Amino acid sequence: MRKSELFAQILECVAFETEIAKEQILSKDKFQDVVDARYMLVHFCHKNGMYTTDIARMMRFSRRAIEKMVAGFDERKRYSHPIFEIQCELIAKKLPPICAPMN
């Protein structure tokens, strides 16, 4: 699967589960629910093997901003509203493992 296809699939899933428009997730909005959705998008892209530079380019954010989201995901999950964790679990179930483990 191409990186752009993977990104689009994850973005679609996050937008569906959070009920936030894709355009808003990719915006610079600072509303908590939008920022939470953005963190989820970055987390699942990174977890599925995408480089931070590719995520940054597709989201039109700086590489450093993406690195901060990757590093801060667990803390955000811990201190966010309980729905954050529920939405993450639903997204994880909908996204099949993209890469087979390398032996």
N, C-alpha and C. Protein backbone atom coordinates (compact mmCIF):
# COMPACT_ATOMS: atom_id res chain seq x y z
N MET A 1 0.84 -1.17 0.00
CA MET A 1 0.00 0.00 0.00
C MET A 1 0.89 1.25 0.00
N ARG A 2 0.53 2.21 -0.81
CA ARG A 2 1.30 3.46 -0.88
C ARG A 2 1.08 4.28 0.38
N LYS A 3 2.08 5.11 0.70
CA LYS A 3 1.99 5.94 1.91
C LYS A 3 0.78 6.86 1.88
N SER A 4 0.52 7.45 0.74
CA SER A 4 -0.61 8.37 0.64
C SER A 4 -1.94 7.64 0.83
N GLU A 5 -2.03 6.41 0.35
CA GLU A 5 -3.25 5.61 0.54
C GLU A 5 -3.43 5.23 2.01
N LEU A 6 -2.33 4.86 2.65
CA LEU A 6 -2.37 4.51 4.06
C LEU A 6 -2.81 5.73 4.88
N PHE A 7 -2.21 6.87 4.60
CA PHE A 7 -2.57 8.11 5.31
C PHE A 7 -4.05 8.42 5.12
N ALA A 8 -4.53 8.33 3.90
CA ALA A 8 -5.94 8.62 3.60
C ALA A 8 -6.87 7.66 4.34
N GLN A 9 -6.50 6.40 4.40
CA GLN A 9 -7.32 5.39 5.09
C GLN A 9 -7.40 5.68 6.59
N ILE A 10 -6.27 6.01 7.18
CA ILE A 10 -6.24 6.30 8.62
C ILE A 10 -7.01 7.59 8.91
N LEU A 11 -6.80 8.61 8.07
CA LEU A 11 -7.52 9.88 8.24
C LEU A 11 -9.03 9.67 8.16
N GLU A 12 -9.46 8.88 7.20
CA GLU A 12 -10.89 8.58 7.04
C GLU A 12 -11.45 7.90 8.28
N CYS A 13 -10.72 6.95 8.81
CA CYS A 13 -11.15 6.20 9.99
C CYS A 13 -11.21 7.10 11.23
N VAL A 14 -10.20 7.92 11.42
CA VAL A 14 -10.18 8.84 12.56
C VAL A 14 -11.33 9.84 12.44
N ALA A 15 -11.54 10.38 11.25
CA ALA A 15 -12.63 11.34 11.04
C ALA A 15 -13.98 10.69 11.33
N PHE A 16 -14.16 9.47 10.90
CA PHE A 16 -15.42 8.76 11.12
C PHE A 16 -15.67 8.53 12.61
N GLU A 17 -14.68 8.01 13.30
CA GLU A 17 -14.86 7.66 14.72
C GLU A 17 -14.98 8.89 15.62
N THR A 18 -14.28 9.95 15.29
CA THR A 18 -14.33 11.15 16.14
C THR A 18 -15.44 12.11 15.71
N GLU A 19 -16.02 11.86 14.53
CA GLU A 19 -17.06 12.73 13.96
C GLU A 19 -16.54 14.16 13.77
N ILE A 20 -15.28 14.25 13.35
CA ILE A 20 -14.65 15.54 13.04
C ILE A 20 -14.22 15.49 11.59
N ALA A 21 -14.52 16.55 10.85
CA ALA A 21 -14.21 16.60 9.43
C ALA A 21 -12.70 16.47 9.20
N LYS A 22 -12.35 15.80 8.11
CA LYS A 22 -10.94 15.61 7.77
C LYS A 22 -10.22 16.95 7.67
N GLU A 23 -10.87 17.93 7.07
CA GLU A 23 -10.26 19.25 6.90
C GLU A 23 -9.96 19.89 8.25
N GLN A 24 -10.84 19.67 9.20
CA GLN A 24 -10.64 20.25 10.52
C GLN A 24 -9.49 19.55 11.26
N ILE A 25 -9.38 18.23 11.10
CA ILE A 25 -8.28 17.49 11.71
C ILE A 25 -6.95 18.01 11.18
N LEU A 26 -6.90 18.30 9.90
CA LEU A 26 -5.67 18.76 9.26
C LEU A 26 -5.43 20.26 9.45
N SER A 27 -6.37 20.94 10.10
CA SER A 27 -6.23 22.38 10.32
C SER A 27 -5.35 22.64 11.54
N LYS A 28 -5.20 23.90 11.88
CA LYS A 28 -4.42 24.29 13.06
C LYS A 28 -5.33 24.59 14.25
N ASP A 29 -6.61 24.17 14.18
CA ASP A 29 -7.56 24.41 15.26
C ASP A 29 -7.03 23.87 16.58
N LYS A 30 -7.34 24.57 17.67
CA LYS A 30 -6.84 24.20 18.99
C LYS A 30 -7.92 23.65 19.92
N PHE A 31 -9.11 23.36 19.39
CA PHE A 31 -10.16 22.77 20.21
C PHE A 31 -9.70 21.38 20.66
N GLN A 32 -10.02 21.02 21.89
CA GLN A 32 -9.50 19.77 22.45
C GLN A 32 -9.86 18.55 21.61
N ASP A 33 -11.11 18.47 21.14
CA ASP A 33 -11.50 17.29 20.36
C ASP A 33 -10.76 17.21 19.03
N VAL A 34 -10.47 18.36 18.44
CA VAL A 34 -9.73 18.38 17.18
C VAL A 34 -8.28 17.98 17.41
N VAL A 35 -7.69 18.50 18.47
CA VAL A 35 -6.30 18.16 18.79
C VAL A 35 -6.19 16.67 19.13
N ASP A 36 -7.17 16.16 19.88
CA ASP A 36 -7.17 14.72 20.18
C ASP A 36 -7.22 13.89 18.90
N ALA A 37 -8.07 14.28 17.96
CA ALA A 37 -8.17 13.55 16.68
C ALA A 37 -6.85 13.62 15.92
N ARG A 38 -6.21 14.77 15.97
CA ARG A 38 -4.91 14.95 15.29
C ARG A 38 -3.87 14.02 15.91
N TYR A 39 -3.85 13.94 17.22
CA TYR A 39 -2.92 13.03 17.91
C TYR A 39 -3.18 11.58 17.51
N MET A 40 -4.45 11.21 17.41
CA MET A 40 -4.80 9.85 16.99
C MET A 40 -4.30 9.57 15.58
N LEU A 41 -4.51 10.52 14.69
CA LEU A 41 -4.05 10.36 13.30
C LEU A 41 -2.55 10.13 13.26
N VAL A 42 -1.81 10.96 13.95
CA VAL A 42 -0.35 10.84 13.97
C VAL A 42 0.06 9.52 14.60
N HIS A 43 -0.57 9.16 15.70
CA HIS A 43 -0.23 7.90 16.39
C HIS A 43 -0.41 6.69 15.47
N PHE A 44 -1.56 6.61 14.80
CA PHE A 44 -1.81 5.43 13.97
C PHE A 44 -0.97 5.43 12.69
N CYS A 45 -0.66 6.59 12.17
CA CYS A 45 0.25 6.65 11.01
C CYS A 45 1.64 6.16 11.43
N HIS A 46 2.12 6.66 12.56
CA HIS A 46 3.45 6.28 13.04
C HIS A 46 3.49 4.80 13.40
N LYS A 47 2.44 4.33 14.05
CA LYS A 47 2.36 2.92 14.45
C LYS A 47 2.36 1.99 13.23
N ASN A 48 1.84 2.49 12.12
CA ASN A 48 1.80 1.68 10.90
C ASN A 48 3.02 1.88 10.01
N GLY A 49 4.08 2.45 10.59
CA GLY A 49 5.36 2.48 9.92
C GLY A 49 5.68 3.72 9.10
N MET A 50 4.86 4.74 9.17
CA MET A 50 5.15 5.96 8.41
C MET A 50 6.20 6.79 9.13
N TYR A 51 7.09 7.40 8.36
CA TYR A 51 8.11 8.30 8.90
C TYR A 51 7.46 9.61 9.33
N THR A 52 8.03 10.23 10.37
CA THR A 52 7.50 11.51 10.83
C THR A 52 7.56 12.57 9.74
N THR A 53 8.58 12.51 8.90
CA THR A 53 8.70 13.50 7.82
C THR A 53 7.57 13.34 6.80
N ASP A 54 7.16 12.11 6.52
CA ASP A 54 6.05 11.88 5.59
C ASP A 54 4.73 12.34 6.20
N ILE A 55 4.54 12.04 7.48
CA ILE A 55 3.32 12.48 8.16
C ILE A 55 3.25 14.00 8.16
N ALA A 56 4.36 14.64 8.48
CA ALA A 56 4.42 16.10 8.51
C ALA A 56 4.08 16.70 7.15
N ARG A 57 4.62 16.13 6.10
CA ARG A 57 4.37 16.64 4.75
C ARG A 57 2.90 16.50 4.38
N MET A 58 2.30 15.36 4.68
CA MET A 58 0.91 15.13 4.32
C MET A 58 -0.07 15.96 5.16
N MET A 59 0.33 16.27 6.39
CA MET A 59 -0.54 17.07 7.26
C MET A 59 -0.25 18.56 7.14
N ARG A 60 0.87 18.89 6.50
CA ARG A 60 1.34 20.28 6.40
C ARG A 60 1.65 20.86 7.78
N PHE A 61 2.31 20.06 8.59
CA PHE A 61 2.81 20.46 9.90
C PHE A 61 4.32 20.31 9.88
N SER A 62 5.00 20.90 10.84
CA SER A 62 6.45 20.74 10.91
C SER A 62 6.79 19.33 11.41
N ARG A 63 7.97 18.88 11.09
CA ARG A 63 8.43 17.58 11.56
C ARG A 63 8.48 17.57 13.08
N ARG A 64 8.90 18.67 13.67
CA ARG A 64 8.99 18.78 15.13
C ARG A 64 7.61 18.66 15.78
N ALA A 65 6.60 19.27 15.18
CA ALA A 65 5.24 19.17 15.73
C ALA A 65 4.77 17.72 15.73
N ILE A 66 5.09 16.99 14.67
CA ILE A 66 4.70 15.58 14.58
C ILE A 66 5.47 14.77 15.63
N GLU A 67 6.75 15.05 15.78
CA GLU A 67 7.54 14.34 16.79
C GLU A 67 6.98 14.57 18.19
N LYS A 68 6.54 15.79 18.48
CA LYS A 68 5.93 16.09 19.78
C LYS A 68 4.63 15.31 19.97
N MET A 69 3.84 15.16 18.91
CA MET A 69 2.60 14.40 19.01
C MET A 69 2.89 12.92 19.25
N VAL A 70 3.90 12.39 18.57
CA VAL A 70 4.27 10.99 18.76
C VAL A 70 4.74 10.78 20.20
N ALA A 71 5.61 11.67 20.68
CA ALA A 71 6.16 11.53 22.03
C ALA A 71 5.10 11.78 23.11
N GLY A 72 4.14 12.65 22.83
CA GLY A 72 3.16 13.02 23.84
C GLY A 72 1.86 12.25 23.80
N PHE A 73 1.76 11.26 22.91
CA PHE A 73 0.50 10.54 22.75
C PHE A 73 0.05 9.85 24.04
N ASP A 74 0.95 9.11 24.68
CA ASP A 74 0.56 8.36 25.88
C ASP A 74 0.11 9.30 27.01
N GLU A 75 0.79 10.42 27.16
CA GLU A 75 0.40 11.38 28.19
C GLU A 75 -0.96 12.00 27.86
N ARG A 76 -1.17 12.33 26.60
CA ARG A 76 -2.46 12.90 26.20
C ARG A 76 -3.58 11.88 26.45
N LYS A 77 -3.30 10.62 26.14
CA LYS A 77 -4.28 9.56 26.35
C LYS A 77 -4.60 9.43 27.84
N ARG A 78 -3.58 9.54 28.68
CA ARG A 78 -3.75 9.39 30.12
C ARG A 78 -4.59 10.52 30.72
N TYR A 79 -4.41 11.75 30.23
CA TYR A 79 -5.07 12.90 30.83
C TYR A 79 -6.28 13.41 30.06
N SER A 80 -6.60 12.79 28.95
CA SER A 80 -7.76 13.22 28.17
C SER A 80 -9.04 12.62 28.71
N HIS A 81 -10.12 13.04 28.11
CA HIS A 81 -11.44 12.52 28.45
C HIS A 81 -11.47 11.01 28.13
N PRO A 82 -12.20 10.20 28.88
CA PRO A 82 -12.24 8.75 28.64
C PRO A 82 -12.62 8.34 27.22
N ILE A 83 -13.36 9.20 26.52
CA ILE A 83 -13.77 8.87 25.14
C ILE A 83 -12.54 8.75 24.22
N PHE A 84 -11.46 9.43 24.57
CA PHE A 84 -10.23 9.37 23.77
C PHE A 84 -9.75 7.92 23.63
N GLU A 85 -9.69 7.23 24.77
CA GLU A 85 -9.22 5.84 24.75
C GLU A 85 -10.20 4.93 24.02
N ILE A 86 -11.48 5.16 24.21
CA ILE A 86 -12.50 4.37 23.52
C ILE A 86 -12.39 4.54 22.01
N GLN A 87 -12.23 5.79 21.56
CA GLN A 87 -12.10 6.05 20.13
C GLN A 87 -10.83 5.42 19.57
N CYS A 88 -9.75 5.46 20.34
CA CYS A 88 -8.50 4.82 19.90
C CYS A 88 -8.69 3.32 19.70
N GLU A 89 -9.39 2.69 20.62
CA GLU A 89 -9.64 1.25 20.51
C GLU A 89 -10.49 0.93 19.29
N LEU A 90 -11.51 1.75 19.04
CA LEU A 90 -12.37 1.53 17.87
C LEU A 90 -11.58 1.70 16.57
N ILE A 91 -10.73 2.71 16.52
CA ILE A 91 -9.91 2.94 15.33
C ILE A 91 -8.95 1.78 15.13
N ALA A 92 -8.32 1.33 16.20
CA ALA A 92 -7.36 0.21 16.11
C ALA A 92 -8.03 -1.05 15.56
N LYS A 93 -9.27 -1.28 15.95
CA LYS A 93 -9.99 -2.46 15.47
C LYS A 93 -10.33 -2.35 13.98
N LYS A 94 -10.57 -1.13 13.53
CA LYS A 94 -10.94 -0.93 12.12
C LYS A 94 -9.75 -0.94 11.18
N LEU A 95 -8.58 -0.65 11.70
CA LEU A 95 -7.38 -0.60 10.86
C LEU A 95 -6.65 -1.93 10.96
N PRO A 96 -6.69 -2.72 9.90
CA PRO A 96 -5.97 -4.00 9.93
C PRO A 96 -4.47 -3.73 9.92
N PRO A 97 -3.69 -4.65 10.47
CA PRO A 97 -2.23 -4.49 10.41
C PRO A 97 -1.78 -4.35 8.96
N ILE A 98 -1.07 -3.30 8.68
CA ILE A 98 -0.66 -3.01 7.30
C ILE A 98 0.57 -3.83 6.92
N CYS A 99 1.51 -3.92 7.84
CA CYS A 99 2.77 -4.59 7.53
C CYS A 99 2.86 -5.93 8.25
N ALA A 100 3.31 -6.92 7.52
CA ALA A 100 3.56 -8.22 8.15
C ALA A 100 4.87 -8.11 8.93
N PRO A 101 4.96 -8.78 10.06
CA PRO A 101 6.21 -8.72 10.83
C PRO A 101 7.37 -9.30 10.02
N MET A 102 8.51 -8.66 10.18
CA MET A 102 9.70 -9.13 9.45
C MET A 102 10.44 -10.13 10.33
N ASN A 103 10.83 -11.25 9.75
CA ASN A 103 11.56 -12.28 10.50
C ASN A 103 13.00 -12.31 10.07
